[in-house]
């Protein structure tokens, strides 16, 4: 078993995580600090924490088993090309209105 902690840096452009071993529940708080992130692929990871922001530059988002009820409140989808979130816990895309 191992634990993943996204520490967050503004220089990270892509994250691809495919769980091959048992993963402890870990925090996603650092994703909010990754301002240059353009690609995020998370397969079957058990993550927790609070996610207030995802990069405005994000173009591709694939997140299996997304653990939250909605997308982050400060996530603008202006550059997003594909949103793929199978088996997620999303009940609504986001709070309030967004201009697409």
C-alpha atoms as a PDB file:
ATOM      1  CA  UNK A   1       0.000   0.000   0.000  1.00  0.00           C
ATOM      2  CA  UNK A   2       1.093   3.542  -0.561  1.00  0.00           C
ATOM      3  CA  UNK A   3      -0.365   6.996  -0.107  1.00  0.00           C
ATOM      4  CA  UNK A   4      -0.382   9.749  -2.674  1.00  0.00           C
ATOM      5  CA  UNK A   5      -0.317  13.390  -1.662  1.00  0.00           C
ATOM      6  CA  UNK A   6      -0.513  16.057  -4.328  1.00  0.00           C
ATOM      7  CA  UNK A   7       1.783  18.742  -2.962  1.00  0.00           C
ATOM      8  CA  UNK A   8       1.014  21.132  -5.763  1.00  0.00           C
ATOM      9  CA  UNK A   9       3.311  23.177  -7.881  1.00  0.00           C
ATOM     10  CA  UNK A  10       2.520  25.674 -10.582  1.00  0.00           C
ATOM     11  CA  UNK A  11       4.851  23.875 -13.021  1.00  0.00           C
ATOM     12  CA  UNK A  12       2.979  20.543 -13.227  1.00  0.00           C
ATOM     13  CA  UNK A  13       1.274  20.187 -16.623  1.00  0.00           C
ATOM     14  CA  UNK A  14       0.021  16.584 -16.535  1.00  0.00           C
ATOM     15  CA  UNK A  15      -0.887  13.888 -14.037  1.00  0.00           C
ATOM     16  CA  UNK A  16      -1.688  10.314 -15.020  1.00  0.00           C
ATOM     17  CA  UNK A  17      -2.295   7.883 -12.182  1.00  0.00           C
ATOM     18  CA  UNK A  18      -3.393   4.331 -12.794  1.00  0.00           C
ATOM     19  CA  UNK A  19      -3.767   2.467  -9.526  1.00  0.00           C
ATOM     20  CA  UNK A  20      -1.952  -0.835  -9.774  1.00  0.00           C
ATOM     21  CA  UNK A  21      -1.642  -1.498  -6.040  1.00  0.00           C
ATOM     22  CA  UNK A  22      -3.906  -0.903  -3.088  1.00  0.00           C
ATOM     23  CA  UNK A  23      -3.989   2.831  -2.431  1.00  0.00           C
ATOM     24  CA  UNK A  24      -4.716   4.388   0.928  1.00  0.00           C
ATOM     25  CA  UNK A  25      -7.165   7.277   0.941  1.00  0.00           C
ATOM     26  CA  UNK A  26      -5.130  10.401   0.290  1.00  0.00           C
ATOM     27  CA  UNK A  27      -5.607  14.140  -0.128  1.00  0.00           C
ATOM     28  CA  UNK A  28      -6.247  16.091  -3.345  1.00  0.00           C
ATOM     29  CA  UNK A  29      -5.780  19.534  -1.795  1.00  0.00           C
ATOM     30  CA  UNK A  30      -2.594  20.200  -3.791  1.00  0.00           C
ATOM     31  CA  UNK A  31      -4.416  19.925  -7.119  1.00  0.00           C
ATOM     32  CA  UNK A  32      -5.850  23.371  -6.400  1.00  0.00           C
ATOM     33  CA  UNK A  33      -2.330  24.863  -6.604  1.00  0.00           C
ATOM     34  CA  UNK A  34      -1.456  23.360 -10.001  1.00  0.00           C
ATOM     35  CA  UNK A  35      -2.247  26.366 -12.195  1.00  0.00           C
ATOM     36  CA  UNK A  36      -0.605  24.974 -15.387  1.00  0.00           C
ATOM     37  CA  UNK A  37      -2.316  21.553 -15.325  1.00  0.00           C
ATOM     38  CA  UNK A  38      -3.661  20.668 -18.788  1.00  0.00           C
ATOM     39  CA  UNK A  39      -4.119  16.883 -18.474  1.00  0.00           C
ATOM     40  CA  UNK A  40      -5.532  15.006 -15.477  1.00  0.00           C
ATOM     41  CA  UNK A  41      -6.186  11.264 -15.616  1.00  0.00           C
ATOM     42  CA  UNK A  42      -6.979   9.424 -12.384  1.00  0.00           C
ATOM     43  CA  UNK A  43      -8.032   5.777 -12.546  1.00  0.00           C
ATOM     44  CA  UNK A  44      -9.723   4.213  -9.523  1.00  0.00           C
ATOM     45  CA  UNK A  45      -7.890   6.202  -6.887  1.00  0.00           C
ATOM     46  CA  UNK A  46      -9.309   6.716  -3.417  1.00  0.00           C
ATOM     47  CA  UNK A  47      -8.846  10.424  -2.783  1.00  0.00           C
ATOM     48  CA  UNK A  48     -10.274  12.869  -0.268  1.00  0.00           C
ATOM     49  CA  UNK A  49      -9.780  16.422   0.894  1.00  0.00           C
ATOM     50  CA  UNK A  50     -11.247  19.592  -0.480  1.00  0.00           C
ATOM     51  CA  UNK A  51     -10.984  20.597  -4.095  1.00  0.00           C
ATOM     52  CA  UNK A  52     -11.789  24.286  -4.529  1.00  0.00           C
ATOM     53  CA  UNK A  53     -10.091  24.860  -7.876  1.00  0.00           C
ATOM     54  CA  UNK A  54      -8.858  23.043 -10.963  1.00  0.00           C
ATOM     55  CA  UNK A  55      -6.621  24.721 -13.516  1.00  0.00           C
ATOM     56  CA  UNK A  56      -8.302  26.981 -16.072  1.00  0.00           C
ATOM     57  CA  UNK A  57      -5.893  25.457 -18.607  1.00  0.00           C
ATOM     58  CA  UNK A  58      -7.251  21.937 -18.104  1.00  0.00           C
ATOM     59  CA  UNK A  59      -8.119  20.454 -21.509  1.00  0.00           C
ATOM     60  CA  UNK A  60      -8.676  16.789 -20.683  1.00  0.00           C
ATOM     61  CA  UNK A  61     -10.152  15.469 -17.445  1.00  0.00           C
ATOM     62  CA  UNK A  62     -10.678  11.739 -16.919  1.00  0.00           C
ATOM     63  CA  UNK A  63     -11.365  10.844 -13.298  1.00  0.00           C
ATOM     64  CA  UNK A  64     -12.786   7.439 -12.454  1.00  0.00           C
ATOM     65  CA  UNK A  65     -14.659   7.319  -9.136  1.00  0.00           C
ATOM     66  CA  UNK A  66     -14.619  11.105  -8.626  1.00  0.00           C
ATOM     67  CA  UNK A  67     -15.404  11.385  -4.878  1.00  0.00           C
ATOM     68  CA  UNK A  68     -17.252  14.732  -4.768  1.00  0.00           C
ATOM     69  CA  UNK A  69     -20.877  15.730  -5.483  1.00  0.00           C
ATOM     70  CA  UNK A  70     -19.911  18.492  -7.951  1.00  0.00           C
ATOM     71  CA  UNK A  71     -16.963  20.011  -9.767  1.00  0.00           C
ATOM     72  CA  UNK A  72     -14.906  22.594  -7.844  1.00  0.00           C
ATOM     73  CA  UNK A  73     -16.643  25.972  -7.426  1.00  0.00           C
ATOM     74  CA  UNK A  74     -13.751  27.910  -8.983  1.00  0.00           C
ATOM     75  CA  UNK A  75     -13.276  25.684 -12.019  1.00  0.00           C
ATOM     76  CA  UNK A  76     -13.872  27.381 -15.360  1.00  0.00           C
ATOM     77  CA  UNK A  77     -14.291  25.061 -18.289  1.00  0.00           C
ATOM     78  CA  UNK A  78     -13.271  27.464 -21.053  1.00  0.00           C
ATOM     79  CA  UNK A  79     -10.395  25.255 -22.339  1.00  0.00           C
ATOM     80  CA  UNK A  80     -11.906  21.862 -21.510  1.00  0.00           C
ATOM     81  CA  UNK A  81     -12.181  19.564 -24.537  1.00  0.00           C
ATOM     82  CA  UNK A  82     -13.260  16.374 -22.789  1.00  0.00           C
ATOM     83  CA  UNK A  83     -14.807  15.672 -19.398  1.00  0.00           C
ATOM     84  CA  UNK A  84     -15.039  11.960 -18.624  1.00  0.00           C
ATOM     85  CA  UNK A  85     -15.974  10.933 -15.085  1.00  0.00           C
ATOM     86  CA  UNK A  86     -17.260   7.332 -14.996  1.00  0.00           C
ATOM     87  CA  UNK A  87     -18.583   5.960 -11.693  1.00  0.00           C
ATOM     88  CA  UNK A  88     -18.359   9.386 -10.074  1.00  0.00           C
ATOM     89  CA  UNK A  89     -20.423  10.646  -7.160  1.00  0.00           C
ATOM     90  CA  UNK A  90     -21.494  13.762  -9.056  1.00  0.00           C
ATOM     91  CA  UNK A  91     -25.095  14.740  -8.396  1.00  0.00           C
ATOM     92  CA  UNK A  92     -24.818  18.117 -10.152  1.00  0.00           C
ATOM     93  CA  UNK A  93     -22.040  19.607 -12.273  1.00  0.00           C
ATOM     94  CA  UNK A  94     -21.514  22.724 -10.132  1.00  0.00           C
ATOM     95  CA  UNK A  95     -23.292  25.182  -7.879  1.00  0.00           C
ATOM     96  CA  UNK A  96     -24.995  28.123  -9.552  1.00  0.00           C
ATOM     97  CA  UNK A  97     -24.604  29.131 -13.202  1.00  0.00           C
ATOM     98  CA  UNK A  98     -21.551  28.987 -15.442  1.00  0.00           C
ATOM     99  CA  UNK A  99     -21.063  30.528 -18.852  1.00  0.00           C
ATOM    100  CA  UNK A 100     -19.747  27.975 -21.339  1.00  0.00           C
END
